[in-house]
Amino acid sequence: MDRREHPYLPFLHDVKAPARYLGGEPGEIHKDWDAASCRVCLAFPDMYEIGMSHLGYKILYGLINGHPKLLAERAYAVWPDMEAKLRQHQVPLLSLETARPLRDFDIVGFSLQFELTYTNILQMMELGGIPRWSHERGEQDPLVIAGGPVATHAEPIAPFIDVFLIGDGEAKLPELMLTWAALRDAGVPRAERLVALAKLGGLYVPALYETVLSPDTGLLVVEPGHPEAPYPVERTFIANLDEYPFPSEGPVAATETIFDRVSVEVARGCTEGCRFCQAGMIYRPVRERGPQQIIDTIVDSVRKGGYDEASLTSLSTADYSAIAPLVQKTMEALEGQRVNVSVSSLRAYGLSEDVLDDMKSQRAGGLTFAPEAGTQRMRDVVNKNVTEEQLLETAQRVFSRGWKKMKLYFMIGLPTEEDEDVEGIV
C-alpha cells in the first residue's frame, strides 16, 4: 500500500513512537491478498517493541507466508495515546502490512504469553471491529484463535476465543487454516466448522465444552458438552524441530526493541524440573535443533538484518548436548563481522572452561544466569539446583576472563517466601 495514504497519518504525529504502527520495515512480507485461500492476522497482545522480539511470533510469520496458499500479516497492541486517537477518529486497528482492519481477515490469532495480556486481547478485538464474545460472532466474522504457553490455562479467556491451539503451533496452524478455508468455501455453517476443527486434534474449542462443579474437589472442571468433542484434548507435539526450520527472514524492527538481536531457539523443553516453570512442563521432552541449522540461520539472519548480536536461546541453553562446539563454530562463522554471541538461560555450573574461553577470545556478548531466589532454602523449595558457592565460583570464572557484567534473574512472590528470602537477593 501507499503509506502516504495510510489511515493513521492524520493523527500519527500526536502519538509516541509512531513508527511502531506503520509497518513497511525491511524484510516485511507482502503476498497477493486475493490469491490466498486463507488470511491470518498474527495479533500480539503487547507492544510492538515486545512482539517484534518474540521467537514464536517470527516462526509462525515465516511458516505461514512460506505456504503458497496462506497469508499472514501482523498487528500489535497499541499504547493508550494511540487507542484514544483510534477511538476519537473512529479508525479501526489495522494490520501493518496492508493496513487492513482485523475484521477483514479470515482468522485472527493471538499469542498467549502472560495472563495479564488478556485485557489487551479484548481491546484489540474491539478496536479491530470483531465481536468480543465468541457466541456473538456470525458467519462473516473472523475465527479468533489463540496459542502459546498460556493456552493451557484457557478458561479465564475461553468465552472470547473460538479455538485454542494446544502445544507446538507450527504443526497445527497451517492445517487449521486450510481446513477452515475449505469448509467455508463449501458453505459449511460456522458452528459445524468449529466441530470439524476440534476433530483435527490439538485444538480446544470452548463452545463444545462446559464447566461443571466437581463434587470430589469443589473445583470447576471442563467436560465435553457436545457428542463429538474430543476429551481430553491432546497437545500437538513436534518430535523433530529440524523439520520446521527457524526463519532467517522477516521484518527488521523499525524501532528499538527489547531484544535487538538475532535470537535462535536451539532446543525446546527442559530437563531441570524447576517447580515454578510452566514452560518446562508443557514443552517436555527436550528436543534439539541440529547445530548446522542453527549456525546457518544465525549467519543468514545477521547478513539480512544487520544485527550485531546473536543469542543462543532455550529454557536451559547450557544443557544443549553440543553446546561447546556450537558456540565455537558459531563464533568462527561470524569471525570478522563484529557480532556478539550471547548465551541465555544458563545454570551457574552450565558452561565449561573451554566454552567460556572461546566466547571471550572473540567478540562475546553477555551471560545470563537464573538463580531465581536469594536463599538456599527458597531455591530448594522451587527445585533450583544451584548453591551460593556455585554462583560465586561462576562469577569469579566470568569476571576473571574480562567480562564486565553478568546478568542474574530473580523472582519474588514465590510460595513460602519470607522477608529474608527477598533480602537474600541483595
Protein backbone atom coordinates (compact mmCIF):
# COMPACT_ATOMS: atom_id res chain seq x y z
CA MET A 1 0.00 0.00 0.00
CA ASP A 2 1.00 3.64 -0.40
CA ARG A 3 1.84 4.69 3.16
CA ARG A 4 1.37 8.32 2.18
CA GLU A 5 -2.35 7.49 2.25
CA HIS A 6 -2.29 5.49 5.48
CA PRO A 7 -5.48 5.99 7.58
CA TYR A 8 -3.36 6.72 10.67
CA LEU A 9 -1.47 9.67 9.15
CA PRO A 10 -3.89 12.47 10.15
CA PHE A 11 -3.17 11.87 13.85
CA LEU A 12 0.05 9.86 13.94
CA HIS A 13 2.13 12.93 14.80
CA ASP A 14 0.26 13.16 18.12
CA VAL A 15 1.37 9.75 19.47
CA LYS A 16 4.64 8.42 20.82
CA ALA A 17 6.84 6.21 18.62
CA PRO A 18 4.59 6.39 15.53
CA ALA A 19 6.87 4.02 13.58
CA ARG A 20 5.53 1.11 15.63
CA TYR A 21 2.15 1.43 13.89
CA LEU A 22 3.08 1.89 10.22
CA GLY A 23 4.89 -1.26 9.11
CA GLY A 24 6.99 -1.05 5.97
CA GLU A 25 10.08 -2.46 7.68
CA PRO A 26 12.88 -4.14 5.73
CA GLY A 27 12.06 -7.80 5.34
CA GLU A 28 8.31 -7.33 5.63
CA ILE A 29 6.50 -9.97 3.57
CA HIS A 30 3.78 -8.97 1.11
CA LYS A 31 1.62 -11.57 -0.63
CA ASP A 32 -1.32 -11.38 -3.02
CA TRP A 33 -4.39 -10.96 -0.79
CA ASP A 34 -6.85 -12.22 -3.39
CA ALA A 35 -4.75 -15.26 -4.30
CA ALA A 36 -4.57 -16.55 -0.71
CA SER A 37 -7.03 -19.25 0.34
CA CYS A 38 -6.85 -18.16 3.97
CA ARG A 39 -5.51 -15.00 5.60
CA VAL A 40 -4.48 -14.73 9.23
CA CYS A 41 -3.54 -11.66 11.24
CA LEU A 42 -0.99 -12.65 13.86
CA ALA A 43 -2.04 -10.37 16.70
CA PHE A 44 0.46 -9.93 19.52
CA PRO A 45 -1.31 -8.55 22.63
CA ASP A 46 1.57 -6.37 23.74
CA MET A 47 3.61 -3.51 22.39
CA TYR A 48 5.43 -3.67 19.05
CA GLU A 49 8.79 -3.46 20.81
CA ILE A 50 7.99 -6.65 22.73
CA GLY A 51 6.20 -8.56 19.99
CA MET A 52 8.98 -7.98 17.45
CA SER A 53 11.38 -9.73 19.84
CA HIS A 54 9.22 -12.82 20.27
CA LEU A 55 10.56 -16.02 18.73
CA GLY A 56 7.31 -17.93 18.30
CA TYR A 57 5.75 -14.99 16.51
CA LYS A 58 8.61 -14.91 14.00
CA ILE A 59 8.40 -18.66 13.43
CA LEU A 60 4.69 -18.57 12.58
CA TYR A 61 5.02 -15.48 10.38
CA GLY A 62 7.69 -17.16 8.26
CA LEU A 63 5.93 -20.53 8.22
CA ILE A 64 2.54 -19.23 7.07
CA ASN A 65 3.91 -16.85 4.46
CA GLY A 66 6.08 -19.66 3.15
CA HIS A 67 2.96 -21.65 2.27
CA PRO A 68 1.70 -20.97 -1.29
CA LYS A 69 -1.98 -20.84 -0.26
CA LEU A 70 -1.70 -18.93 3.00
CA LEU A 71 -1.01 -15.35 4.06
CA ALA A 72 0.00 -13.81 7.39
CA GLU A 73 0.13 -10.17 8.46
CA ARG A 74 0.82 -8.60 11.86
CA ALA A 75 -0.85 -6.41 14.45
CA TYR A 76 0.18 -5.33 17.94
CA ALA A 77 -1.48 -3.80 20.96
CA VAL A 78 -1.49 -0.01 20.99
CA TRP A 79 -0.34 2.42 23.65
CA PRO A 80 -3.11 4.41 25.45
CA ASP A 81 -2.39 7.56 23.41
CA MET A 82 -2.91 5.63 20.17
CA GLU A 83 -6.03 3.92 21.48
CA ALA A 84 -7.53 7.33 22.27
CA LYS A 85 -6.80 8.57 18.75
CA LEU A 86 -8.30 5.48 17.12
CA ARG A 87 -11.50 5.94 19.10
CA GLN A 88 -11.60 9.70 18.53
CA HIS A 89 -11.20 9.37 14.75
CA GLN A 90 -13.21 6.13 14.53
CA VAL A 91 -10.38 4.32 12.75
CA PRO A 92 -10.04 0.56 13.39
CA LEU A 93 -6.89 -1.26 14.45
CA LEU A 94 -5.06 -2.14 11.24
CA SER A 95 -2.52 -4.72 10.16
CA LEU A 96 0.99 -3.47 9.47
CA GLU A 97 1.49 -4.97 6.02
CA THR A 98 -1.61 -3.71 4.17
CA ALA A 99 -3.42 -1.55 6.76
CA ARG A 100 -6.50 -3.79 6.76
CA PRO A 101 -8.84 -3.89 9.77
CA LEU A 102 -8.60 -7.06 11.82
CA ARG A 103 -12.24 -7.83 10.96
CA ASP A 104 -11.26 -8.30 7.28
CA PHE A 105 -9.10 -11.37 7.98
CA ASP A 106 -10.35 -14.94 7.86
CA ILE A 107 -8.56 -15.69 11.11
CA VAL A 108 -7.10 -13.54 13.88
CA GLY A 109 -4.56 -15.38 16.02
CA PHE A 110 -3.41 -14.16 19.43
CA SER A 111 -0.20 -15.19 21.18
CA LEU A 112 -0.82 -16.02 24.85
CA GLN A 113 2.37 -15.44 26.84
CA PHE A 114 1.03 -14.00 30.11
CA GLU A 115 -2.41 -13.83 31.72
CA LEU A 116 -2.00 -10.08 32.21
CA THR A 117 -2.33 -9.57 28.44
CA TYR A 118 -5.88 -10.96 28.38
CA THR A 119 -7.35 -7.47 28.61
CA ASN A 120 -5.17 -6.38 25.68
CA ILE A 121 -6.76 -9.13 23.60
CA LEU A 122 -10.22 -7.77 24.32
CA GLN A 123 -9.04 -4.26 23.48
CA MET A 124 -7.55 -5.39 20.16
CA MET A 125 -10.70 -7.26 19.18
CA GLU A 126 -12.86 -4.24 19.95
CA LEU A 127 -10.58 -1.83 18.10
CA GLY A 128 -10.34 -4.27 15.19
CA GLY A 129 -14.11 -4.47 14.76
CA ILE A 130 -14.52 -8.06 15.99
CA PRO A 131 -17.30 -9.04 18.44
CA ARG A 132 -15.57 -9.84 21.71
CA TRP A 133 -17.80 -12.71 22.83
CA SER A 134 -17.34 -15.81 20.69
CA HIS A 135 -21.08 -16.61 20.73
CA GLU A 136 -21.80 -13.19 19.16
CA ARG A 137 -19.69 -13.85 16.05
CA GLY A 138 -21.53 -14.58 12.85
CA GLU A 139 -20.76 -16.38 9.62
CA GLN A 140 -18.72 -13.48 8.21
CA ASP A 141 -16.68 -12.71 11.32
CA PRO A 142 -13.08 -13.90 11.65
CA LEU A 143 -12.24 -17.07 13.51
CA VAL A 144 -10.44 -15.97 16.69
CA ILE A 145 -7.73 -18.40 17.78
CA ALA A 146 -5.06 -18.32 20.48
CA GLY A 147 -1.93 -20.31 21.23
CA GLY A 148 1.22 -20.22 23.29
CA PRO A 149 2.08 -21.44 26.79
CA VAL A 150 -0.92 -19.81 28.48
CA ALA A 151 -3.30 -21.63 26.14
CA THR A 152 -3.02 -24.44 28.70
CA HIS A 153 -4.73 -22.06 31.17
CA ALA A 154 -7.56 -21.19 28.83
CA GLU A 155 -10.69 -20.86 30.94
CA PRO A 156 -10.38 -17.23 32.10
CA ILE A 157 -10.49 -16.07 28.47
CA ALA A 158 -12.34 -19.04 26.92
CA PRO A 159 -15.64 -17.13 26.37
CA PHE A 160 -13.83 -14.81 23.94
CA ILE A 161 -11.76 -17.33 21.93
CA ASP A 162 -13.12 -19.69 19.28
CA VAL A 163 -10.19 -22.12 19.20
CA PHE A 164 -7.10 -22.67 21.35
CA LEU A 165 -4.01 -24.33 19.82
CA ILE A 166 -2.53 -26.62 22.48
CA GLY A 167 1.15 -27.45 22.08
CA ASP A 168 3.53 -26.72 19.20
CA GLY A 169 1.71 -24.31 16.90
CA GLU A 170 3.89 -24.82 13.82
CA ALA A 171 2.49 -28.30 13.26
CA LYS A 172 -1.18 -27.33 13.58
CA LEU A 173 -1.74 -23.76 12.35
CA PRO A 174 -1.38 -24.41 8.59
CA GLU A 175 -3.74 -27.41 8.84
CA LEU A 176 -6.25 -25.34 10.80
CA MET A 177 -6.17 -22.54 8.22
CA LEU A 178 -6.57 -24.83 5.21
CA THR A 179 -9.40 -26.76 6.86
CA TRP A 180 -11.27 -23.60 7.87
CA ALA A 181 -10.97 -22.16 4.36
CA ALA A 182 -12.11 -25.37 2.65
CA LEU A 183 -15.18 -25.71 4.88
CA ARG A 184 -16.04 -22.03 4.45
CA ASP A 185 -15.79 -22.29 0.67
CA ALA A 186 -18.02 -25.37 0.78
CA GLY A 187 -20.72 -23.38 2.56
CA VAL A 188 -20.46 -25.26 5.85
CA PRO A 189 -22.02 -23.23 8.72
CA ARG A 190 -19.67 -21.73 11.30
CA ALA A 191 -20.84 -24.00 14.14
CA GLU A 192 -20.16 -27.12 12.09
CA ARG A 193 -16.77 -25.80 11.05
CA LEU A 194 -15.82 -25.47 14.72
CA VAL A 195 -16.74 -29.11 15.33
CA ALA A 196 -14.60 -30.15 12.37
CA LEU A 197 -11.63 -28.20 13.75
CA ALA A 198 -11.96 -29.88 17.14
CA LYS A 199 -11.67 -33.27 15.43
CA LEU A 200 -8.25 -32.33 14.00
CA GLY A 201 -6.67 -32.85 17.40
CA GLY A 202 -4.59 -30.42 19.42
CA LEU A 203 -7.39 -27.85 19.29
CA TYR A 204 -9.65 -26.84 22.19
CA VAL A 205 -12.97 -25.34 21.06
CA PRO A 206 -14.61 -23.90 24.22
CA ALA A 207 -18.09 -23.80 22.65
CA LEU A 208 -18.09 -27.62 22.62
CA TYR A 209 -17.37 -27.95 26.35
CA GLU A 210 -18.91 -26.88 29.63
CA THR A 211 -17.58 -26.21 33.11
CA VAL A 212 -19.14 -28.13 35.98
CA LEU A 213 -18.53 -28.19 39.71
CA SER A 214 -16.69 -31.34 40.73
CA PRO A 215 -18.35 -33.00 43.75
CA ASP A 216 -14.99 -34.53 44.69
CA THR A 217 -12.82 -31.40 44.75
CA GLY A 218 -15.26 -28.50 44.72
CA LEU A 219 -13.40 -27.13 41.70
CA LEU A 220 -14.78 -26.18 38.32
CA VAL A 221 -13.71 -28.73 35.72
CA VAL A 222 -14.11 -28.82 31.95
CA GLU A 223 -16.18 -31.61 30.41
CA PRO A 224 -17.47 -32.25 26.88
CA GLY A 225 -20.77 -30.57 26.14
CA HIS A 226 -21.06 -31.88 22.59
CA PRO A 227 -21.13 -35.54 21.49
CA GLU A 228 -18.28 -35.03 19.01
CA ALA A 229 -15.98 -33.04 21.31
CA PRO A 230 -12.65 -34.85 21.89
CA TYR A 231 -11.77 -35.45 25.53
CA PRO A 232 -9.16 -34.97 26.71
CA VAL A 233 -7.66 -32.55 24.19
CA GLU A 234 -4.23 -33.86 23.28
CA ARG A 235 -1.43 -31.36 22.68
CA THR A 236 0.27 -31.08 19.30
CA PHE A 237 3.87 -32.25 19.55
CA ILE A 238 6.78 -31.85 17.13
CA ALA A 239 9.29 -34.66 17.57
CA ASN A 240 11.90 -33.23 15.18
CA LEU A 241 12.40 -29.46 15.27
CA ASP A 242 14.61 -29.58 12.19
CA GLU A 243 11.51 -30.36 10.13
CA TYR A 244 10.40 -26.80 10.91
CA PRO A 245 13.48 -24.65 10.15
CA PHE A 246 13.89 -21.47 12.11
CA PRO A 247 13.25 -18.48 9.80
CA SER A 248 16.15 -16.24 8.85
CA GLU A 249 13.94 -13.76 7.02
CA GLY A 250 11.24 -11.45 8.26
CA PRO A 251 10.70 -7.83 9.28
CA VAL A 252 13.57 -5.94 10.88
CA ALA A 253 12.06 -3.68 13.55
CA ALA A 254 11.54 -0.02 12.70
CA THR A 255 12.18 1.00 16.31
CA GLU A 256 14.39 -0.19 19.13
CA THR A 257 13.06 -3.43 20.62
CA ILE A 258 13.60 -5.06 23.99
CA PHE A 259 15.91 -7.64 22.36
CA ASP A 260 17.54 -6.02 19.35
CA ARG A 261 19.39 -9.10 18.17
CA VAL A 262 19.16 -12.41 16.34
CA SER A 263 17.70 -14.97 18.72
CA VAL A 264 17.64 -18.60 17.63
CA GLU A 265 15.93 -21.38 19.55
CA VAL A 266 18.49 -24.15 19.97
CA ALA A 267 16.17 -26.51 21.85
CA ARG A 268 12.62 -26.79 23.16
CA GLY A 269 11.79 -28.26 26.55
CA CYS A 270 13.94 -28.63 29.66
CA THR A 271 15.23 -31.40 31.94
CA GLU A 272 15.67 -29.31 35.08
CA GLY A 273 12.17 -29.54 36.60
CA CYS A 274 12.03 -26.17 38.38
CA ARG A 275 8.68 -26.13 40.16
CA PHE A 276 7.69 -22.62 39.09
CA CYS A 277 8.35 -23.18 35.38
CA GLN A 278 5.25 -23.76 33.28
CA ALA A 279 7.17 -23.96 30.01
CA GLY A 280 9.50 -26.62 31.39
CA MET A 281 6.48 -28.85 31.99
CA ILE A 282 4.31 -28.27 28.93
CA TYR A 283 7.13 -28.46 26.35
CA ARG A 284 8.62 -31.76 27.53
CA PRO A 285 10.51 -33.78 26.41
CA VAL A 286 13.60 -31.89 25.29
CA ARG A 287 14.13 -31.63 21.54
CA GLU A 288 17.19 -30.04 19.95
CA ARG A 289 17.79 -28.33 16.63
CA GLY A 290 20.76 -29.52 14.61
CA PRO A 291 23.91 -27.41 15.11
CA GLN A 292 24.41 -26.66 11.43
CA GLN A 293 20.83 -25.43 11.00
CA ILE A 294 21.33 -23.10 13.97
CA ILE A 295 24.59 -21.71 12.61
CA ASP A 296 23.21 -21.24 9.10
CA THR A 297 20.18 -19.40 10.48
CA ILE A 298 22.32 -17.05 12.57
CA VAL A 299 24.70 -16.24 9.71
CA ASP A 300 21.84 -15.65 7.28
CA SER A 301 19.89 -13.52 9.78
CA VAL A 302 22.92 -11.36 10.55
CA ARG A 303 23.52 -10.82 6.85
CA LYS A 304 19.91 -9.87 6.11
CA GLY A 305 19.13 -7.93 9.27
CA GLY A 306 22.37 -6.14 10.06
CA TYR A 307 22.33 -7.28 13.69
CA ASP A 308 25.41 -7.01 15.90
CA GLU A 309 24.39 -9.66 18.43
CA ALA A 310 23.28 -13.28 18.14
CA SER A 311 21.75 -15.16 21.04
CA LEU A 312 21.54 -18.92 21.52
CA THR A 313 18.22 -19.36 23.30
CA SER A 314 16.31 -22.09 25.10
CA LEU A 315 14.90 -22.79 28.56
CA SER A 316 18.35 -24.07 29.61
CA THR A 317 20.87 -23.42 26.86
CA ALA A 318 23.80 -24.99 28.70
CA ASP A 319 22.00 -28.34 28.57
CA TYR A 320 22.22 -28.38 24.76
CA SER A 321 24.17 -31.56 24.09
CA ALA A 322 26.67 -29.93 21.71
CA ILE A 323 26.88 -26.51 23.36
CA ALA A 324 30.70 -26.31 23.30
CA PRO A 325 31.20 -27.00 19.57
CA LEU A 326 28.08 -24.96 18.76
CA VAL A 327 29.47 -21.86 20.46
CA GLN A 328 32.89 -22.37 18.89
CA LYS A 329 31.58 -22.91 15.35
CA THR A 330 29.10 -20.03 15.63
CA MET A 331 31.92 -17.68 16.56
CA GLU A 332 34.05 -18.99 13.72
CA ALA A 333 31.21 -18.41 11.26
CA LEU A 334 30.81 -14.82 12.49
CA GLU A 335 34.52 -14.02 12.75
CA GLY A 336 35.39 -10.57 11.45
CA GLN A 337 31.77 -9.36 11.39
CA ARG A 338 31.84 -7.66 14.83
CA VAL A 339 28.88 -9.67 16.08
CA ASN A 340 28.43 -10.55 19.75
CA VAL A 341 27.46 -14.10 20.63
CA SER A 342 25.45 -14.41 23.83
CA VAL A 343 24.08 -17.43 25.64
CA SER A 344 20.89 -17.09 27.69
CA SER A 345 19.14 -19.01 30.48
CA LEU A 346 22.24 -20.60 31.96
CA ARG A 347 22.74 -22.65 35.08
CA ALA A 348 25.58 -21.41 37.28
CA TYR A 349 27.51 -24.61 36.60
CA GLY A 350 26.44 -24.88 32.98
CA LEU A 351 29.36 -23.69 30.85
CA SER A 352 32.74 -25.36 30.73
CA GLU A 353 36.04 -23.53 30.94
CA ASP A 354 36.64 -24.16 27.23
CA VAL A 355 33.32 -22.57 26.22
CA LEU A 356 33.98 -19.51 28.37
CA ASP A 357 37.46 -19.19 26.88
CA ASP A 358 36.10 -19.48 23.34
CA MET A 359 33.44 -16.86 23.97
CA LYS A 360 35.87 -14.40 25.49
CA SER A 361 38.53 -14.92 22.81
CA GLN A 362 36.27 -13.21 20.28
CA ARG A 363 33.58 -10.55 20.40
CA ALA A 364 31.43 -12.26 23.04
CA GLY A 365 28.21 -10.85 24.38
CA GLY A 366 26.59 -11.18 27.76
CA LEU A 367 25.99 -14.15 30.03
CA THR A 368 22.68 -14.59 31.80
CA PHE A 369 22.18 -16.87 34.80
CA ALA A 370 18.97 -17.62 36.67
CA PRO A 371 19.39 -18.41 40.38
CA GLU A 372 15.73 -17.28 40.81
CA ALA A 373 15.84 -16.95 44.63
CA GLY A 374 18.08 -15.25 47.15
CA THR A 375 18.44 -18.02 49.74
CA GLN A 376 19.26 -21.70 49.57
CA ARG A 377 16.02 -22.56 51.36
CA MET A 378 13.95 -20.81 48.71
CA ARG A 379 15.97 -22.33 45.87
CA ASP A 380 15.36 -25.77 47.35
CA VAL A 381 11.62 -25.09 47.56
CA VAL A 382 11.43 -24.33 43.83
CA ASN A 383 13.89 -27.15 42.97
CA LYS A 384 16.52 -24.76 41.63
CA ASN A 385 19.60 -26.92 41.89
CA VAL A 386 22.30 -24.33 42.48
CA THR A 387 24.19 -23.23 45.58
CA GLU A 388 25.59 -19.86 46.58
CA GLU A 389 29.09 -21.32 46.31
CA GLN A 390 28.43 -22.27 42.69
CA LEU A 391 27.13 -18.77 41.96
CA LEU A 392 30.21 -17.13 43.46
CA GLU A 393 32.51 -19.54 41.65
CA THR A 394 30.75 -18.79 38.37
CA ALA A 395 31.09 -15.05 38.95
CA GLN A 396 34.81 -15.49 39.56
CA ARG A 397 35.19 -17.57 36.38
CA VAL A 398 33.32 -15.00 34.32
CA PHE A 399 34.92 -11.81 35.63
CA SER A 400 38.43 -13.27 35.63
CA ARG A 401 38.10 -13.61 31.86
CA GLY A 402 37.36 -9.93 31.40
CA TRP A 403 33.57 -9.75 31.33
CA LYS A 404 32.28 -6.50 32.77
CA LYS A 405 28.77 -7.66 33.64
CA MET A 406 26.82 -10.80 34.41
CA LYS A 407 23.03 -10.78 34.42
CA LEU A 408 21.10 -12.63 37.13
CA TYR A 409 17.38 -13.41 37.08
CA PHE A 410 15.42 -13.47 40.34
CA MET A 411 11.75 -13.79 41.24
CA ILE A 412 9.77 -12.55 44.22
CA GLY A 413 6.40 -13.76 45.41
CA LEU A 414 7.25 -17.47 45.43
CA PRO A 415 5.27 -19.81 47.73
CA THR A 416 6.53 -19.89 51.35
CA GLU A 417 8.69 -16.81 50.69
CA GLU A 418 9.81 -14.82 53.75
CA ASP A 419 11.38 -11.37 54.04
CA GLU A 420 14.85 -12.88 54.42
CA ASP A 421 14.45 -14.66 51.07
CA VAL A 422 13.88 -11.32 49.32
CA GLU A 423 16.67 -9.67 51.30
CA GLY A 424 18.94 -12.53 50.26
CA ILE A 425 18.75 -11.33 46.66
CA VAL A 426 20.54 -8.14 47.68
